């Protein structure tokens, strides 16, 4: 049987508590870092899905420009906003 004194047991307990506090601080920093990374991944993923979903709208706008033969303006919708695209082939007024 292993016999330890009261003072030795007390010192071991203090060392274990200090070790657990150090591990808790390190794990809190790692968890915060992981949480921040996960939040950034989710936010960037949502933005990527949003932009990807708008590609059909942009393709429709490009089709409008092609259908006009590049001669007129086209109104496109991007994230719910109307954007007027001026054709580079259109002759400016007063020129």
N, C-alpha and C. Protein backbone atom coordinates (compact mmCIF):
# COMPACT_ATOMS: atom_id res chain seq x y z
N UNK A 1 0.84 -1.17 0.00
CA UNK A 1 0.00 0.00 0.00
C UNK A 1 0.89 1.25 0.00
N UNK A 2 0.48 2.22 -0.83
CA UNK A 2 1.24 3.46 -0.94
C UNK A 2 0.78 4.41 0.16
N UNK A 3 1.70 4.89 0.92
CA UNK A 3 1.36 5.80 2.00
C UNK A 3 1.94 7.17 1.67
N UNK A 4 1.10 8.17 1.73
CA UNK A 4 1.57 9.54 1.53
C UNK A 4 1.14 10.36 2.73
N UNK A 5 1.90 11.37 2.98
CA UNK A 5 1.58 12.22 4.12
C UNK A 5 0.52 13.24 3.73
N UNK A 6 -0.02 13.86 4.77
CA UNK A 6 -1.03 14.90 4.56
C UNK A 6 -0.46 16.05 3.75
N UNK A 7 0.76 16.46 4.03
CA UNK A 7 1.39 17.58 3.31
C UNK A 7 1.61 17.22 1.84
N UNK A 8 2.02 15.98 1.57
CA UNK A 8 2.23 15.56 0.19
C UNK A 8 0.91 15.54 -0.57
N UNK A 9 -0.14 15.03 0.04
CA UNK A 9 -1.46 14.99 -0.59
C UNK A 9 -1.97 16.39 -0.86
N UNK A 10 -1.74 17.30 0.10
CA UNK A 10 -2.16 18.69 -0.08
C UNK A 10 -1.42 19.33 -1.25
N UNK A 11 -0.11 19.09 -1.37
CA UNK A 11 0.68 19.66 -2.46
C UNK A 11 0.25 19.06 -3.81
N UNK A 12 -0.05 17.78 -3.84
CA UNK A 12 -0.52 17.14 -5.08
C UNK A 12 -1.87 17.74 -5.49
N UNK A 13 -2.74 17.94 -4.52
CA UNK A 13 -4.06 18.52 -4.82
C UNK A 13 -3.91 19.93 -5.38
N UNK A 14 -3.01 20.73 -4.80
CA UNK A 14 -2.78 22.09 -5.29
C UNK A 14 -2.23 22.05 -6.72
N UNK A 15 -1.31 21.13 -6.98
CA UNK A 15 -0.74 21.01 -8.33
C UNK A 15 -1.81 20.58 -9.33
N UNK A 16 -2.68 19.65 -8.95
CA UNK A 16 -3.75 19.19 -9.84
C UNK A 16 -4.71 20.34 -10.11
N UNK A 17 -5.06 21.10 -9.09
CA UNK A 17 -5.98 22.24 -9.28
C UNK A 17 -5.34 23.27 -10.21
N UNK A 18 -4.06 23.57 -10.01
CA UNK A 18 -3.37 24.53 -10.88
C UNK A 18 -3.34 24.01 -12.31
N UNK A 19 -3.06 22.73 -12.47
CA UNK A 19 -3.06 22.13 -13.81
C UNK A 19 -4.42 22.21 -14.47
N UNK A 20 -5.48 21.95 -13.71
CA UNK A 20 -6.84 22.04 -14.27
C UNK A 20 -7.20 23.47 -14.66
N UNK A 21 -6.75 24.44 -13.88
CA UNK A 21 -7.00 25.84 -14.21
C UNK A 21 -6.29 26.20 -15.51
N UNK A 22 -5.05 25.76 -15.65
CA UNK A 22 -4.29 26.03 -16.89
C UNK A 22 -4.98 25.37 -18.08
N UNK A 23 -5.41 24.13 -17.92
CA UNK A 23 -6.12 23.44 -19.01
C UNK A 23 -7.43 24.15 -19.34
N UNK A 24 -8.13 24.65 -18.33
CA UNK A 24 -9.39 25.36 -18.56
C UNK A 24 -9.16 26.64 -19.35
N UNK A 25 -8.11 27.39 -18.99
CA UNK A 25 -7.80 28.64 -19.71
C UNK A 25 -7.42 28.33 -21.16
N UNK A 26 -6.59 27.33 -21.37
CA UNK A 26 -6.18 26.97 -22.73
C UNK A 26 -7.38 26.50 -23.54
N UNK A 27 -8.22 25.66 -22.94
CA UNK A 27 -9.38 25.16 -23.69
C UNK A 27 -10.38 26.27 -23.98
N UNK A 28 -10.48 27.25 -23.08
CA UNK A 28 -11.37 28.39 -23.34
C UNK A 28 -10.87 29.20 -24.53
N UNK A 29 -9.55 29.41 -24.62
CA UNK A 29 -8.99 30.14 -25.76
C UNK A 29 -9.19 29.36 -27.05
N UNK A 30 -8.96 28.05 -27.00
CA UNK A 30 -9.13 27.22 -28.20
C UNK A 30 -10.59 27.19 -28.61
N UNK A 31 -11.49 27.04 -27.64
CA UNK A 31 -12.92 27.00 -27.96
C UNK A 31 -13.38 28.33 -28.55
N UNK A 32 -12.90 29.43 -28.02
CA UNK A 32 -13.27 30.74 -28.57
C UNK A 32 -12.75 30.87 -29.98
N UNK A 33 -11.54 30.41 -30.21
CA UNK A 33 -10.96 30.48 -31.54
C UNK A 33 -11.75 29.61 -32.52
N UNK A 34 -12.09 28.42 -32.09
CA UNK A 34 -12.87 27.52 -32.94
C UNK A 34 -14.25 28.10 -33.20
N UNK A 35 -14.86 28.67 -32.16
CA UNK A 35 -16.18 29.26 -32.31
C UNK A 35 -16.14 30.43 -33.30
N UNK A 36 -15.13 31.28 -33.19
CA UNK A 36 -15.00 32.40 -34.13
C UNK A 36 -14.81 31.90 -35.55
N UNK A 37 -13.99 30.87 -35.70
CA UNK A 37 -13.77 30.31 -37.03
C UNK A 37 -15.06 29.73 -37.59
N UNK A 38 -15.81 29.04 -36.77
CA UNK A 38 -17.07 28.44 -37.24
C UNK A 38 -18.07 29.52 -37.61
N UNK A 39 -18.14 30.59 -36.82
CA UNK A 39 -19.05 31.69 -37.14
C UNK A 39 -18.66 32.32 -38.47
N UNK A 40 -17.37 32.52 -38.71
CA UNK A 40 -16.92 33.09 -39.98
C UNK A 40 -17.24 32.16 -41.14
N UNK A 41 -17.06 30.86 -40.95
CA UNK A 41 -17.38 29.91 -42.01
C UNK A 41 -18.87 29.96 -42.33
N UNK A 42 -19.71 30.03 -41.31
CA UNK A 42 -21.16 30.09 -41.53
C UNK A 42 -21.54 31.38 -42.26
N UNK A 43 -21.00 32.51 -41.82
CA UNK A 43 -21.32 33.79 -42.46
C UNK A 43 -20.87 33.80 -43.91
N UNK A 44 -19.64 33.36 -44.16
CA UNK A 44 -19.14 33.33 -45.54
C UNK A 44 -19.92 32.32 -46.38
N UNK A 45 -20.33 31.23 -45.79
CA UNK A 45 -21.15 30.26 -46.51
C UNK A 45 -22.49 30.84 -46.91
N UNK A 46 -23.13 31.56 -46.00
CA UNK A 46 -24.41 32.20 -46.31
C UNK A 46 -24.25 33.22 -47.43
N UNK A 47 -23.18 34.01 -47.36
CA UNK A 47 -22.93 34.99 -48.42
C UNK A 47 -22.68 34.29 -49.76
N UNK A 48 -21.92 33.20 -49.73
CA UNK A 48 -21.64 32.48 -50.97
C UNK A 48 -22.92 31.90 -51.57
N UNK A 49 -23.78 31.34 -50.73
CA UNK A 49 -25.05 30.80 -51.23
C UNK A 49 -25.91 31.91 -51.79
N UNK A 50 -25.93 33.07 -51.13
CA UNK A 50 -26.71 34.20 -51.63
C UNK A 50 -26.24 34.67 -52.99
N UNK A 51 -24.95 34.82 -53.14
CA UNK A 51 -24.41 35.27 -54.43
C UNK A 51 -24.63 34.20 -55.49
N UNK A 52 -24.44 32.94 -55.12
CA UNK A 52 -24.65 31.84 -56.07
C UNK A 52 -26.11 31.82 -56.55
N UNK A 53 -27.04 32.10 -55.64
CA UNK A 53 -28.46 32.09 -56.03
C UNK A 53 -28.80 33.24 -56.97
N UNK A 54 -28.00 34.30 -56.95
CA UNK A 54 -28.25 35.45 -57.82
C UNK A 54 -27.73 35.24 -59.23
N UNK A 55 -27.01 34.18 -59.46
CA UNK A 55 -26.43 33.95 -60.78
C UNK A 55 -27.50 33.80 -61.85
N UNK A 56 -28.64 33.20 -61.51
CA UNK A 56 -29.72 33.05 -62.48
C UNK A 56 -30.25 34.42 -62.90
N UNK A 57 -30.38 35.31 -61.93
CA UNK A 57 -30.83 36.67 -62.24
C UNK A 57 -29.83 37.36 -63.15
N UNK A 58 -28.56 37.18 -62.90
CA UNK A 58 -27.53 37.79 -63.74
C UNK A 58 -27.51 37.17 -65.14
N UNK A 59 -27.77 35.87 -65.21
CA UNK A 59 -27.84 35.22 -66.52
C UNK A 59 -29.03 35.75 -67.31
N UNK A 60 -30.17 35.96 -66.64
CA UNK A 60 -31.33 36.53 -67.31
C UNK A 60 -31.03 37.95 -67.81
N UNK A 61 -30.31 38.71 -67.02
CA UNK A 61 -29.94 40.06 -67.43
C UNK A 61 -29.03 40.03 -68.65
N UNK A 62 -28.06 39.13 -68.65
CA UNK A 62 -27.17 39.00 -69.80
C UNK A 62 -27.96 38.61 -71.05
N UNK A 63 -28.97 37.77 -70.87
CA UNK A 63 -29.82 37.39 -72.00
C UNK A 63 -30.58 38.58 -72.54
N UNK A 64 -31.06 39.48 -71.64
CA UNK A 64 -31.75 40.69 -72.07
C UNK A 64 -30.83 41.57 -72.91
N UNK A 65 -29.60 41.72 -72.45
CA UNK A 65 -28.64 42.56 -73.17
C UNK A 65 -28.38 41.97 -74.55
N UNK A 66 -28.21 40.65 -74.61
CA UNK A 66 -27.97 39.99 -75.90
C UNK A 66 -29.19 40.12 -76.81
N UNK A 67 -30.40 40.00 -76.23
CA UNK A 67 -31.62 40.10 -77.02
C UNK A 67 -31.77 41.50 -77.61
N UNK A 68 -31.31 42.51 -76.89
CA UNK A 68 -31.38 43.88 -77.41
C UNK A 68 -30.28 44.15 -78.42
N UNK A 69 -29.42 43.19 -78.62
CA UNK A 69 -28.31 43.38 -79.54
C UNK A 69 -27.26 44.33 -78.99
N UNK A 70 -27.31 44.54 -77.67
CA UNK A 70 -26.34 45.44 -77.06
C UNK A 70 -26.63 46.89 -77.33
N UNK A 71 -27.83 47.21 -77.88
CA UNK A 71 -28.12 48.57 -78.29
C UNK A 71 -28.83 49.39 -77.22
N UNK A 72 -29.37 48.76 -76.19
CA UNK A 72 -30.13 49.52 -75.20
C UNK A 72 -29.71 49.18 -73.79
N UNK A 73 -30.34 49.89 -72.86
CA UNK A 73 -30.07 49.63 -71.45
C UNK A 73 -30.87 48.42 -70.99
N UNK A 74 -30.38 47.76 -69.98
CA UNK A 74 -31.09 46.62 -69.39
C UNK A 74 -31.17 46.84 -67.89
N UNK A 75 -32.33 46.52 -67.32
CA UNK A 75 -32.50 46.61 -65.88
C UNK A 75 -32.34 45.22 -65.30
N UNK A 76 -31.41 45.09 -64.38
CA UNK A 76 -31.14 43.80 -63.74
C UNK A 76 -31.50 43.90 -62.26
N UNK A 77 -31.72 42.75 -61.67
CA UNK A 77 -32.04 42.68 -60.25
C UNK A 77 -30.93 41.90 -59.57
N UNK A 78 -30.34 42.50 -58.53
CA UNK A 78 -29.29 41.84 -57.78
C UNK A 78 -29.57 42.09 -56.30
N UNK A 79 -29.84 41.03 -55.56
CA UNK A 79 -30.22 41.10 -54.15
C UNK A 79 -31.38 42.07 -53.93
N UNK A 80 -32.36 42.03 -54.82
CA UNK A 80 -33.55 42.84 -54.67
C UNK A 80 -33.42 44.27 -55.12
N UNK A 81 -32.26 44.67 -55.60
CA UNK A 81 -32.06 46.04 -56.07
C UNK A 81 -32.07 46.05 -57.59
N UNK A 82 -32.69 47.11 -58.14
CA UNK A 82 -32.68 47.27 -59.59
C UNK A 82 -31.40 47.98 -60.00
N UNK A 83 -30.72 47.40 -60.96
CA UNK A 83 -29.47 47.98 -61.48
C UNK A 83 -29.63 48.16 -62.97
N UNK A 84 -29.39 49.36 -63.45
CA UNK A 84 -29.48 49.63 -64.87
C UNK A 84 -28.10 49.47 -65.47
N UNK A 85 -28.01 48.60 -66.47
CA UNK A 85 -26.76 48.36 -67.17
C UNK A 85 -26.83 49.08 -68.51
N UNK A 86 -25.94 50.02 -68.71
CA UNK A 86 -25.90 50.75 -69.98
C UNK A 86 -25.05 49.96 -70.95
N UNK A 87 -25.52 49.85 -72.16
CA UNK A 87 -24.78 49.10 -73.18
C UNK A 87 -23.57 49.90 -73.63
N UNK A 88 -22.44 49.24 -73.76
CA UNK A 88 -21.26 49.96 -74.24
C UNK A 88 -21.37 50.29 -75.73
N UNK A 89 -22.32 49.68 -76.44
CA UNK A 89 -22.48 49.95 -77.89
C UNK A 89 -23.39 51.12 -78.16
N UNK A 90 -24.11 51.59 -77.13
CA UNK A 90 -25.03 52.70 -77.32
C UNK A 90 -24.28 54.00 -77.50
N UNK A 91 -24.71 54.79 -78.45
CA UNK A 91 -24.08 56.08 -78.73
C UNK A 91 -24.63 57.08 -77.73
N UNK A 92 -23.76 57.79 -76.99
CA UNK A 92 -24.24 58.78 -76.01
C UNK A 92 -24.93 59.95 -76.71
N UNK A 93 -25.91 60.53 -75.99
CA UNK A 93 -26.64 61.68 -76.54
C UNK A 93 -25.69 62.86 -76.67
N UNK A 94 -25.89 63.65 -77.71
CA UNK A 94 -25.12 64.86 -77.94
C UNK A 94 -23.75 64.58 -78.54
N UNK A 95 -23.55 63.36 -79.05
CA UNK A 95 -22.22 63.05 -79.54
C UNK A 95 -22.20 62.98 -80.98
